[in-house]
Amino acid sequence: RARHAGPPDGGWGWMIVAGCFLVTICTRAVTRCISIFFVEFQAYFGQDYARTAWIHSIVDCATMLCAPLGSLISNHVSCQVGIMLGGLLASTGLILSSFATSLEHLYLSLGVLTGLGFALCYSPAIAMVGKYFNKKKALAYGIAMSGSGIGTFILAPVVQLLIEQFSWRGALLILGGFVLNLCVCGALMRPIALKEDRKTAPEFLEQDYVPEAQKRDLKRMSICSPLIKVWSHECLCYCSWKEYDFLLMPGFMVLAVSVLFMAYGCSPLFVYLVPYALSVGVSHHQAAFLMSILGVIDIIGNITFGWLTDRRCLKKHRHFCYLFAVGMDGLCCLFLPVLQKFPLLVPFSFTFGYFDGAYVTLIPVVTADVVGTSSLSSALGVVYFLHAIPYLVSPPVAGWLVDTTGSYTASFLLSGFSMIFSSTLLCFASLAKKIKRTHLRSLTNDTGTKQHIWTNGAIAYSVTAELDQKDIEFLAVDTNSYSNR
């Protein structure tokens, strides 16, 4: 395990980015391409939109619902072990799906088993990028998360070709072999120990700082001692609490609620874009091409937004860049029902794909800004866990609306308003936080409290009070006594 005082911002970190890039191809891109199987499943099993949509919903739900499990294995066993195990499970699920005889079979194999495998890979790989990068974090995430777009661009036409040549069963079998590459990605995830990680545990848990004499004494103590059992239990409870103490942070609570609405809004489009295009007279190859366009522009959104938000002028405004991207995707969904020709759907794929790539890149960056790097893995597990219920519910609800109304309009409008509400919620929360800071600064100025930063880094406070028409100034200039206090 490599030890560093801070994130190295390079070196083996670029191999971590490459590994995460492949993970996003094998997980998120493959999940998106399941929508290409939608029409095939519907025709083969003779089911309606709502029942068929459950397949995609369960995959997404299982991936996000089990994200904390992936973080747990990564934190307490190994990121490498977790990703390799996830690759085996996901591949097994896809291979078993190629032998499906009913939708229920696909719910279990393609939905639950494959989704569980993706969960063990996705959040630990993303968290590893955050541990290796600080100054170039947004750019690193942009490159890593662009795998979703590149994978969609390449896999969408390939999957359509595989279905035509080998039927949907053969296509799923080949995808099962392709997903085994997750095991290779897991081998690249070399662990790293940062100085700030040590601060998350009490001093008596830091074995590296325990004197050798005390280490020998601890070895002589019996494992079955009741005192040791109590101590171990308290240590476990302490570490578990420290891993998830960010849940009580107001900033994280607002982010969590907004993620619920954002996830509800973004999921139906990836399920129903191809069926919607086919319903308005677009050919199968053109519909698959729309997914490819979305994937390519997704890449541009990943990388350009990552690079831009690393610039000094925008680095402090990542939060607003994120909510702007989410809001723009919501507006795109609102306009989609009036776009009923292929030349009009192409600009939609460009716009939606760009801003989708933008906010997907910024999710881990904004999360890291809220909770810090030391809690990033656990926080990402919770954030992706919050995607689970919306991902499970939104495609079937959208399918039910299509079956009931005979049109996609209601489904896309609901998705658009949900994403706009998510963006608006974050905007109001940010404005409220800014107003509160301004109010506190005005109170500080009214009381006459001033803060001075000395050249040696020490802080001195100057308090001026009016007493008997004389100004008395108290200066804390003794830096040694100040630091001791």
Protein backbone atom coordinates (compact mmCIF):
# COMPACT_ATOMS: atom_id res chain seq x y z
CA ARG A 1 0.00 0.00 0.00
CA ALA A 2 1.51 3.30 -1.12
CA ARG A 3 1.70 6.06 1.52
CA HIS A 4 1.42 9.75 0.63
CA ALA A 5 0.97 12.96 2.58
CA GLY A 6 -1.64 14.04 0.02
CA PRO A 7 -3.12 12.97 -3.32
CA PRO A 8 -0.21 12.59 -5.82
CA ASP A 9 -2.18 14.16 -8.73
CA GLY A 10 -0.47 11.90 -11.24
CA GLY A 11 1.81 8.88 -11.42
CA TRP A 12 -0.13 5.68 -10.92
CA GLY A 13 -3.21 7.87 -10.57
CA TRP A 14 -3.52 7.97 -14.37
CA MET A 15 -3.70 4.16 -14.38
CA ILE A 16 -6.50 4.46 -11.83
CA VAL A 17 -8.26 6.85 -14.22
CA ALA A 18 -7.81 4.32 -17.04
CA GLY A 19 -9.22 1.55 -14.84
CA CYS A 20 -12.22 3.68 -13.84
CA PHE A 21 -12.71 4.58 -17.52
CA LEU A 22 -13.03 0.87 -18.39
CA VAL A 23 -15.31 0.29 -15.39
CA THR A 24 -17.74 2.96 -16.59
CA ILE A 25 -17.72 1.39 -20.08
CA CYS A 26 -18.50 -2.07 -18.70
CA THR A 27 -21.17 -0.85 -16.25
CA ARG A 28 -22.96 2.36 -17.25
CA ALA A 29 -22.54 1.98 -21.04
CA VAL A 30 -23.75 -1.62 -20.96
CA THR A 31 -26.73 -0.57 -18.80
CA ARG A 32 -27.66 2.15 -21.30
CA CYS A 33 -27.46 -0.30 -24.19
CA ILE A 34 -30.02 -2.56 -22.51
CA SER A 35 -32.61 -0.11 -23.90
CA ILE A 36 -31.74 -1.41 -27.38
CA PHE A 37 -33.00 -4.83 -26.23
CA PHE A 38 -36.30 -3.23 -25.11
CA VAL A 39 -38.19 -3.76 -28.37
CA GLU A 40 -36.75 -7.29 -28.76
CA PHE A 41 -37.86 -8.31 -25.25
CA GLN A 42 -41.29 -6.75 -25.75
CA ALA A 43 -41.85 -8.58 -29.04
CA TYR A 44 -40.43 -11.93 -27.90
CA PHE A 45 -42.33 -12.16 -24.59
CA GLY A 46 -45.42 -10.27 -25.78
CA GLN A 47 -45.57 -7.87 -22.81
CA ASP A 48 -46.52 -4.19 -22.45
CA TYR A 49 -44.22 -1.20 -21.89
CA ALA A 50 -44.52 -1.14 -18.10
CA ARG A 51 -43.61 -4.81 -17.49
CA THR A 52 -40.73 -4.78 -19.97
CA ALA A 53 -39.33 -1.56 -18.47
CA TRP A 54 -38.83 -3.32 -15.13
CA ILE A 55 -35.73 -5.05 -16.56
CA HIS A 56 -33.83 -1.80 -17.03
CA SER A 57 -35.22 -0.46 -13.75
CA ILE A 58 -34.00 -3.43 -11.71
CA VAL A 59 -30.51 -3.25 -13.24
CA ASP A 60 -30.17 0.44 -12.36
CA CYS A 61 -31.81 -0.01 -8.97
CA ALA A 62 -29.60 -2.95 -7.95
CA THR A 63 -26.49 -1.07 -9.11
CA MET A 64 -27.29 1.95 -6.97
CA LEU A 65 -29.02 0.16 -4.09
CA CYS A 66 -25.98 -2.02 -3.44
CA ALA A 67 -23.46 0.82 -3.91
CA PRO A 68 -22.87 1.06 -0.11
CA LEU A 69 -22.01 -2.65 -0.16
CA GLY A 70 -19.35 -1.93 -2.78
CA SER A 71 -17.96 0.88 -0.61
CA LEU A 72 -17.99 -1.40 2.45
CA ILE A 73 -16.00 -4.13 0.71
CA SER A 74 -13.61 -1.54 -0.69
CA ASN A 75 -13.01 0.06 2.73
CA HIS A 76 -12.69 -3.09 4.82
CA VAL A 77 -11.37 -5.75 2.41
CA SER A 78 -9.91 -4.36 -0.82
CA CYS A 79 -11.02 -2.29 -3.78
CA GLN A 80 -9.33 -4.83 -6.04
CA VAL A 81 -11.22 -7.78 -4.54
CA GLY A 82 -14.55 -5.94 -4.72
CA ILE A 83 -14.22 -4.99 -8.40
CA MET A 84 -13.04 -8.46 -9.46
CA LEU A 85 -15.91 -10.11 -7.59
CA GLY A 86 -18.33 -7.65 -9.17
CA GLY A 87 -17.01 -8.46 -12.64
CA LEU A 88 -17.60 -12.17 -12.12
CA LEU A 89 -21.15 -11.61 -10.85
CA ALA A 90 -22.08 -9.20 -13.68
CA SER A 91 -20.71 -11.53 -16.34
CA THR A 92 -22.56 -14.50 -14.84
CA GLY A 93 -25.81 -12.51 -14.84
CA LEU A 94 -25.52 -11.58 -18.51
CA ILE A 95 -24.63 -15.13 -19.55
CA LEU A 96 -27.58 -16.58 -17.61
CA SER A 97 -29.84 -13.94 -19.19
CA SER A 98 -29.07 -15.33 -22.64
CA PHE A 99 -30.96 -18.49 -21.60
CA ALA A 100 -34.03 -16.61 -20.27
CA THR A 101 -37.48 -18.10 -20.91
CA SER A 102 -39.56 -15.37 -19.22
CA LEU A 103 -39.39 -11.77 -18.06
CA GLU A 104 -39.16 -12.97 -14.47
CA HIS A 105 -35.97 -14.83 -15.39
CA LEU A 106 -34.53 -11.60 -16.79
CA TYR A 107 -35.60 -9.71 -13.66
CA LEU A 108 -33.37 -11.99 -11.57
CA SER A 109 -30.40 -12.62 -13.87
CA LEU A 110 -30.07 -9.41 -15.89
CA GLY A 111 -31.65 -7.24 -13.20
CA VAL A 112 -30.54 -8.40 -9.75
CA LEU A 113 -27.35 -10.42 -10.42
CA THR A 114 -25.84 -8.15 -13.06
CA GLY A 115 -26.87 -5.03 -11.14
CA LEU A 116 -25.22 -6.38 -7.97
CA GLY A 117 -22.00 -7.03 -9.89
CA PHE A 118 -22.01 -3.50 -11.30
CA ALA A 119 -22.58 -2.10 -7.78
CA LEU A 120 -19.45 -3.78 -6.42
CA CYS A 121 -17.40 -2.14 -9.20
CA TYR A 122 -18.84 1.33 -9.81
CA SER A 123 -18.60 3.40 -6.61
CA PRO A 124 -15.22 1.96 -5.38
CA ALA A 125 -13.59 2.71 -8.77
CA ILE A 126 -14.90 6.29 -8.75
CA ALA A 127 -13.80 6.82 -5.15
CA MET A 128 -10.26 5.67 -6.01
CA VAL A 129 -9.92 8.50 -8.54
CA GLY A 130 -10.82 11.00 -5.80
CA LYS A 131 -8.07 9.60 -3.57
CA TYR A 132 -5.37 9.98 -6.20
CA PHE A 133 -6.27 13.51 -7.40
CA ASN A 134 -6.90 16.89 -5.80
CA LYS A 135 -5.83 19.79 -8.03
CA LYS A 136 -6.79 17.95 -11.23
CA LYS A 137 -9.75 16.14 -9.69
CA ALA A 138 -12.47 17.41 -12.05
CA LEU A 139 -10.36 16.69 -15.15
CA ALA A 140 -9.51 13.19 -13.88
CA TYR A 141 -13.18 12.50 -13.23
CA GLY A 142 -14.08 13.92 -16.64
CA ILE A 143 -11.75 11.45 -18.38
CA ALA A 144 -12.80 8.53 -16.17
CA MET A 145 -16.54 9.16 -16.51
CA SER A 146 -16.26 9.68 -20.28
CA GLY A 147 -16.11 5.90 -20.53
CA SER A 148 -19.88 5.89 -20.24
CA GLY A 149 -20.23 8.05 -23.36
CA ILE A 150 -17.51 6.35 -25.38
CA GLY A 151 -18.92 2.96 -24.44
CA THR A 152 -22.42 4.01 -25.48
CA PHE A 153 -21.14 5.38 -28.79
CA ILE A 154 -19.32 2.15 -29.63
CA LEU A 155 -21.64 -0.41 -28.06
CA ALA A 156 -24.99 0.96 -29.31
CA PRO A 157 -24.42 0.14 -33.01
CA VAL A 158 -22.40 -2.97 -32.12
CA VAL A 159 -25.22 -4.33 -29.94
CA GLN A 160 -27.76 -3.62 -32.70
CA LEU A 161 -25.52 -5.50 -35.17
CA LEU A 162 -25.08 -8.41 -32.72
CA ILE A 163 -28.86 -8.66 -32.28
CA GLU A 164 -29.34 -8.80 -36.06
CA GLN A 165 -26.61 -11.42 -36.51
CA PHE A 166 -26.99 -13.62 -33.40
CA SER A 167 -30.41 -12.63 -31.95
CA TRP A 168 -30.78 -11.03 -28.52
CA ARG A 169 -29.60 -14.25 -26.82
CA GLY A 170 -26.28 -14.26 -28.64
CA ALA A 171 -25.81 -10.54 -28.04
CA LEU A 172 -26.27 -11.00 -24.27
CA LEU A 173 -23.81 -13.92 -24.27
CA ILE A 174 -21.14 -11.82 -26.00
CA LEU A 175 -21.76 -8.92 -23.61
CA GLY A 176 -21.25 -11.34 -20.72
CA GLY A 177 -17.78 -12.15 -22.00
CA PHE A 178 -17.02 -8.46 -22.57
CA VAL A 179 -17.97 -7.52 -19.00
CA LEU A 180 -15.32 -9.94 -17.65
CA ASN A 181 -12.85 -7.12 -18.41
CA LEU A 182 -13.95 -5.68 -15.05
CA CYS A 183 -11.60 -8.20 -13.43
CA VAL A 184 -8.70 -6.59 -15.31
CA CYS A 185 -9.86 -3.15 -14.15
CA GLY A 186 -9.87 -4.37 -10.55
CA ALA A 187 -6.23 -5.44 -10.81
CA LEU A 188 -5.24 -1.83 -11.63
CA MET A 189 -6.74 -0.36 -8.43
CA ARG A 190 -3.62 -0.10 -6.26
CA PRO A 191 -4.56 1.07 -2.72
CA ILE A 192 -3.19 4.36 -1.40
CA ALA A 193 -2.91 5.59 2.21
CA LEU A 194 -3.28 9.34 2.73
CA LYS A 195 -2.30 11.36 5.78
CA GLU A 196 -5.84 12.69 6.25
CA ASP A 197 -7.20 9.12 6.36
CA ARG A 198 -5.39 8.66 9.69
CA LYS A 199 -7.37 11.52 11.19
CA THR A 200 -10.62 9.59 10.78
CA ALA A 201 -9.66 7.08 13.46
CA PRO A 202 -8.70 7.59 17.14
CA GLU A 203 -5.04 7.62 18.05
CA PHE A 204 -5.19 4.25 19.77
CA LEU A 205 -6.25 2.66 16.46
CA GLU A 206 -3.17 3.92 14.60
CA GLN A 207 -0.94 0.89 14.86
CA ASP A 208 1.88 2.60 12.96
CA TYR A 209 2.33 5.00 15.89
CA VAL A 210 2.12 2.46 18.71
CA PRO A 211 5.50 1.82 20.37
CA GLU A 212 7.05 -1.58 19.77
CA ALA A 213 6.83 -2.48 23.47
CA GLN A 214 3.10 -1.89 23.48
CA LYS A 215 2.73 -3.93 20.31
CA ARG A 216 4.44 -6.89 21.98
CA ASP A 217 2.17 -6.52 25.01
CA LEU A 218 -0.89 -6.51 22.81
CA LYS A 219 0.26 -9.73 21.12
CA ARG A 220 0.60 -11.45 24.48
CA MET A 221 -2.96 -10.57 25.48
CA SER A 222 -5.55 -13.30 24.96
CA ILE A 223 -7.94 -12.85 22.04
CA CYS A 224 -10.80 -14.18 24.14
CA SER A 225 -10.38 -11.60 26.87
CA PRO A 226 -13.67 -9.82 27.66
CA LEU A 227 -11.79 -6.53 27.82
CA ILE A 228 -10.52 -7.04 24.28
CA LYS A 229 -14.04 -7.87 23.10
CA VAL A 230 -15.45 -4.65 24.55
CA TRP A 231 -12.55 -2.63 23.15
CA SER A 232 -12.98 -4.14 19.69
CA HIS A 233 -16.73 -3.48 19.75
CA GLU A 234 -16.19 0.15 20.71
CA CYS A 235 -13.56 0.57 18.00
CA LEU A 236 -15.88 -0.94 15.41
CA CYS A 237 -18.75 1.32 16.43
CA TYR A 238 -16.48 4.37 16.41
CA CYS A 239 -15.09 3.62 12.94
CA SER A 240 -18.54 2.86 11.55
CA TRP A 241 -19.87 6.15 12.89
CA LYS A 242 -16.90 8.12 11.58
CA GLU A 243 -17.44 6.64 8.12
CA TYR A 244 -21.01 7.94 7.95
CA ASP A 245 -21.04 11.03 10.19
CA PHE A 246 -21.45 13.16 7.03
CA LEU A 247 -25.11 12.05 6.90
CA LEU A 248 -25.96 14.76 9.46
CA MET A 249 -24.34 17.55 7.46
CA PRO A 250 -27.00 20.01 6.16
CA GLY A 251 -25.16 20.41 2.86
CA PHE A 252 -25.18 16.67 2.25
CA MET A 253 -28.87 16.39 3.18
CA VAL A 254 -29.84 18.97 0.54
CA LEU A 255 -27.61 17.25 -2.02
CA ALA A 256 -29.25 13.90 -1.20
CA VAL A 257 -32.80 15.21 -1.72
CA SER A 258 -31.84 16.84 -5.02
CA VAL A 259 -30.22 13.60 -6.20
CA LEU A 260 -33.53 11.76 -5.71
CA PHE A 261 -35.36 14.08 -8.13
CA MET A 262 -32.45 14.22 -10.57
CA ALA A 263 -32.25 10.42 -10.73
CA TYR A 264 -36.00 10.14 -11.30
CA GLY A 265 -35.82 12.55 -14.23
CA CYS A 266 -32.78 11.19 -16.08
CA SER A 267 -33.57 7.46 -16.11
CA PRO A 268 -36.68 7.22 -18.38
CA LEU A 269 -35.01 8.97 -21.31
CA PHE A 270 -32.32 6.31 -21.69
CA VAL A 271 -35.03 3.62 -21.63
CA TYR A 272 -37.50 5.27 -23.99
CA LEU A 273 -35.42 7.31 -26.44
CA VAL A 274 -35.09 4.40 -28.87
CA PRO A 275 -38.76 3.25 -28.57
CA TYR A 276 -39.92 6.88 -28.92
CA ALA A 277 -37.81 7.38 -32.03
CA LEU A 278 -39.21 4.18 -33.53
CA SER A 279 -42.78 5.31 -32.72
CA VAL A 280 -42.36 8.54 -34.75
CA GLY A 281 -41.10 6.70 -37.83
CA VAL A 282 -37.33 6.61 -37.30
CA SER A 283 -35.59 3.44 -38.52
CA HIS A 284 -33.87 0.99 -36.17
CA HIS A 285 -30.39 2.01 -37.28
CA GLN A 286 -31.20 5.71 -36.96
CA ALA A 287 -32.60 5.12 -33.46
CA ALA A 288 -29.40 3.32 -32.44
CA PHE A 289 -27.45 6.16 -34.04
CA LEU A 290 -29.23 8.62 -31.73
CA MET A 291 -27.88 6.67 -28.75
CA SER A 292 -24.42 6.77 -30.32
CA ILE A 293 -24.62 10.55 -30.77
CA LEU A 294 -25.72 10.91 -27.17
CA GLY A 295 -22.73 8.83 -26.12
CA VAL A 296 -20.18 10.82 -28.14
CA ILE A 297 -21.41 14.19 -26.91
CA ASP A 298 -21.53 12.72 -23.40
CA ILE A 299 -17.75 12.28 -23.72
CA ILE A 300 -17.27 15.92 -24.71
CA GLY A 301 -19.41 17.00 -21.76
CA ASN A 302 -17.38 14.81 -19.39
CA ILE A 303 -13.98 16.12 -20.43
CA THR A 304 -14.72 19.77 -21.24
CA PHE A 305 -16.77 20.38 -18.09
CA GLY A 306 -14.12 18.60 -16.05
CA TRP A 307 -11.39 20.76 -17.56
CA LEU A 308 -13.38 24.00 -17.27
CA THR A 309 -14.36 23.50 -13.63
CA ASP A 310 -10.71 22.90 -12.74
CA ARG A 311 -9.89 26.42 -13.94
CA ARG A 312 -9.34 29.00 -11.23
CA CYS A 313 -12.27 31.15 -12.36
CA LEU A 314 -14.81 28.29 -12.09
CA LYS A 315 -13.30 26.08 -9.39
CA LYS A 316 -15.23 27.91 -6.66
CA HIS A 317 -18.47 27.64 -8.65
CA ARG A 318 -18.59 23.88 -9.32
CA HIS A 319 -21.85 23.65 -7.40
CA PHE A 320 -23.58 26.12 -9.72
CA CYS A 321 -22.10 24.43 -12.81
CA TYR A 322 -23.61 21.15 -11.61
CA LEU A 323 -27.11 22.54 -11.01
CA PHE A 324 -26.97 24.43 -14.35
CA ALA A 325 -26.22 21.18 -16.20
CA VAL A 326 -29.06 19.34 -14.43
CA GLY A 327 -31.50 22.16 -15.22
CA MET A 328 -30.54 22.19 -18.91
CA ASP A 329 -31.17 18.45 -19.19
CA GLY A 330 -34.59 19.04 -17.64
CA LEU A 331 -35.40 21.67 -20.28
CA CYS A 332 -34.34 19.25 -23.02
CA CYS A 333 -36.83 16.66 -21.73
CA LEU A 334 -39.63 19.25 -21.78
CA PHE A 335 -39.04 19.96 -25.48
CA LEU A 336 -38.63 16.32 -26.55
CA PRO A 337 -42.36 15.56 -27.23
CA VAL A 338 -42.48 18.15 -30.04
CA LEU A 339 -39.41 16.67 -31.77
CA GLN A 340 -40.90 13.99 -34.03
CA LYS A 341 -38.42 13.75 -36.90
CA PHE A 342 -34.89 12.40 -37.06
CA PRO A 343 -33.27 15.77 -38.04
CA LEU A 344 -34.89 17.31 -34.93
CA LEU A 345 -33.92 14.44 -32.62
CA VAL A 346 -30.24 14.75 -33.55
CA PRO A 347 -29.82 18.24 -31.93
CA PHE A 348 -31.69 16.91 -28.89
CA SER A 349 -29.18 14.06 -28.53
CA PHE A 350 -26.34 16.58 -28.83
CA THR A 351 -27.70 18.90 -26.13
CA PHE A 352 -28.95 16.29 -23.67
CA GLY A 353 -25.79 14.21 -24.06
CA TYR A 354 -23.49 17.16 -23.40
CA PHE A 355 -25.15 18.28 -20.18
CA ASP A 356 -25.66 14.69 -19.04
CA GLY A 357 -21.91 14.15 -19.29
CA ALA A 358 -21.34 17.46 -17.50
CA TYR A 359 -23.36 16.74 -14.36
CA VAL A 360 -22.32 13.06 -14.18
CA THR A 361 -18.70 14.24 -14.03
CA LEU A 362 -19.48 16.74 -11.28
CA ILE A 363 -21.45 14.39 -8.99
CA PRO A 364 -18.32 12.94 -7.27
CA VAL A 365 -16.60 16.36 -7.37
CA VAL A 366 -19.51 18.13 -5.67
CA THR A 367 -19.82 15.26 -3.18
CA ALA A 368 -16.11 15.54 -2.33
CA ASP A 369 -16.47 19.31 -1.85
CA VAL A 370 -19.31 18.68 0.63
CA VAL A 371 -17.92 15.77 2.71
CA GLY A 372 -14.15 15.80 2.07
CA THR A 373 -11.83 13.20 0.54
CA SER A 374 -11.58 10.92 3.58
CA SER A 375 -15.33 10.18 3.52
CA LEU A 376 -15.69 10.20 -0.27
CA SER A 377 -16.00 6.43 -0.77
CA SER A 378 -18.78 6.07 1.81
CA ALA A 379 -20.50 9.27 0.65
CA LEU A 380 -20.50 8.14 -2.98
CA GLY A 381 -21.96 4.83 -1.86
CA VAL A 382 -24.84 6.71 -0.22
CA VAL A 383 -25.29 9.10 -3.18
CA TYR A 384 -25.52 6.23 -5.65
CA PHE A 385 -27.73 4.32 -3.20
CA LEU A 386 -30.16 7.26 -3.39
CA HIS A 387 -30.36 6.71 -7.16
CA ALA A 388 -31.83 3.25 -6.55
CA ILE A 389 -35.51 3.95 -5.82
CA PRO A 390 -35.94 6.58 -8.58
CA TYR A 391 -34.19 4.27 -11.05
CA LEU A 392 -36.50 1.43 -10.00
CA VAL A 393 -39.73 3.43 -10.11
CA SER A 394 -39.35 5.96 -12.92
CA PRO A 395 -39.17 3.70 -16.04
CA PRO A 396 -42.24 1.61 -15.07
CA VAL A 397 -44.16 4.77 -14.14
CA ALA A 398 -43.20 6.29 -17.49
CA GLY A 399 -44.25 3.04 -19.21
CA TRP A 400 -47.58 3.09 -17.39
CA LEU A 401 -48.16 6.66 -18.57
CA VAL A 402 -47.39 5.60 -22.14
CA ASP A 403 -49.78 2.63 -21.89
CA THR A 404 -52.51 4.82 -20.35
CA THR A 405 -52.24 7.94 -22.51
CA GLY A 406 -50.93 6.36 -25.70
CA SER A 407 -48.25 9.04 -25.87
CA TYR A 408 -44.77 9.73 -24.48
CA THR A 409 -45.58 13.38 -23.69
CA ALA A 410 -46.59 12.91 -20.04
CA SER A 411 -43.56 10.73 -19.32
CA PHE A 412 -41.05 13.20 -20.73
CA LEU A 413 -42.73 16.23 -19.10
CA LEU A 414 -42.62 14.52 -15.70
CA SER A 415 -38.93 13.74 -16.18
CA GLY A 416 -38.14 17.31 -17.21
CA PHE A 417 -39.94 18.94 -14.29
CA SER A 418 -38.27 16.53 -11.85
CA MET A 419 -34.78 17.51 -13.01
CA ILE A 420 -35.62 21.22 -13.00
CA PHE A 421 -36.92 20.91 -9.43
CA SER A 422 -33.66 19.19 -8.42
CA SER A 423 -31.66 22.07 -9.87
CA THR A 424 -33.93 24.71 -8.31
CA LEU A 425 -33.67 23.09 -4.87
CA LEU A 426 -29.87 23.23 -4.94
CA CYS A 427 -29.97 26.81 -6.21
CA PHE A 428 -32.18 28.00 -3.33
CA ALA A 429 -30.05 26.10 -0.80
CA SER A 430 -26.88 27.74 -2.15
CA LEU A 431 -28.47 31.20 -2.08
CA ALA A 432 -29.69 30.65 1.50
CA LYS A 433 -26.18 29.61 2.53
CA LYS A 434 -24.69 32.69 0.88
CA ILE A 435 -27.21 35.01 2.56
CA LYS A 436 -26.43 33.42 5.93
CA ARG A 437 -22.69 34.01 5.43
CA THR A 438 -23.30 37.63 4.47
CA HIS A 439 -25.46 38.11 7.55
CA LEU A 440 -22.78 36.63 9.82
CA ARG A 441 -20.13 38.88 8.30
CA SER A 442 -22.28 41.95 8.87
CA LEU A 443 -22.80 40.92 12.51
CA THR A 444 -19.05 40.46 12.90
CA ASN A 445 -18.37 43.92 11.48
CA ASP A 446 -21.02 45.49 13.72
CA THR A 447 -19.42 44.07 16.88
CA GLY A 448 -16.04 45.43 15.85
CA THR A 449 -14.30 42.07 15.64
CA LYS A 450 -11.48 41.94 13.12
CA GLN A 451 -9.29 39.07 12.04
CA HIS A 452 -5.62 39.58 11.27
CA ILE A 453 -3.46 37.03 9.47
CA TRP A 454 0.17 37.40 10.47
CA THR A 455 3.01 36.72 8.04
CA ASN A 456 3.99 33.57 9.96
CA GLY A 457 0.49 32.10 9.55
CA ALA A 458 -0.70 32.85 13.10
CA ILE A 459 -4.13 34.41 13.64
CA ALA A 460 -4.73 37.36 15.93
CA TYR A 461 -8.09 38.85 16.87
CA SER A 462 -8.54 42.56 17.58
CA VAL A 463 -11.63 43.48 19.59
CA THR A 464 -12.52 47.16 20.06
CA ALA A 465 -15.03 48.06 22.76
CA GLU A 466 -16.29 51.41 23.95
CA LEU A 467 -15.88 51.82 27.74
CA ASP A 468 -15.85 55.24 29.47
CA GLN A 469 -15.27 56.85 26.06
CA LYS A 470 -11.95 55.06 25.77
CA ASP A 471 -10.99 52.49 23.20
CA ILE A 472 -9.41 49.38 24.65
CA GLU A 473 -7.82 47.08 22.14
CA PHE A 474 -6.97 43.49 22.98
CA LEU A 475 -4.48 41.87 20.65
CA ALA A 476 -3.58 38.19 20.78
CA VAL A 477 -0.02 38.42 19.55
CA ASP A 478 1.61 35.60 21.46
CA THR A 479 1.43 32.87 18.82
CA ASN A 480 2.77 30.17 21.13
CA SER A 481 0.12 30.73 23.80
CA TYR A 482 -2.52 31.03 21.08
CA SER A 483 -1.57 27.72 19.49
CA ASN A 484 -1.51 26.05 22.91
CA ARG A 485 -5.06 27.29 23.59
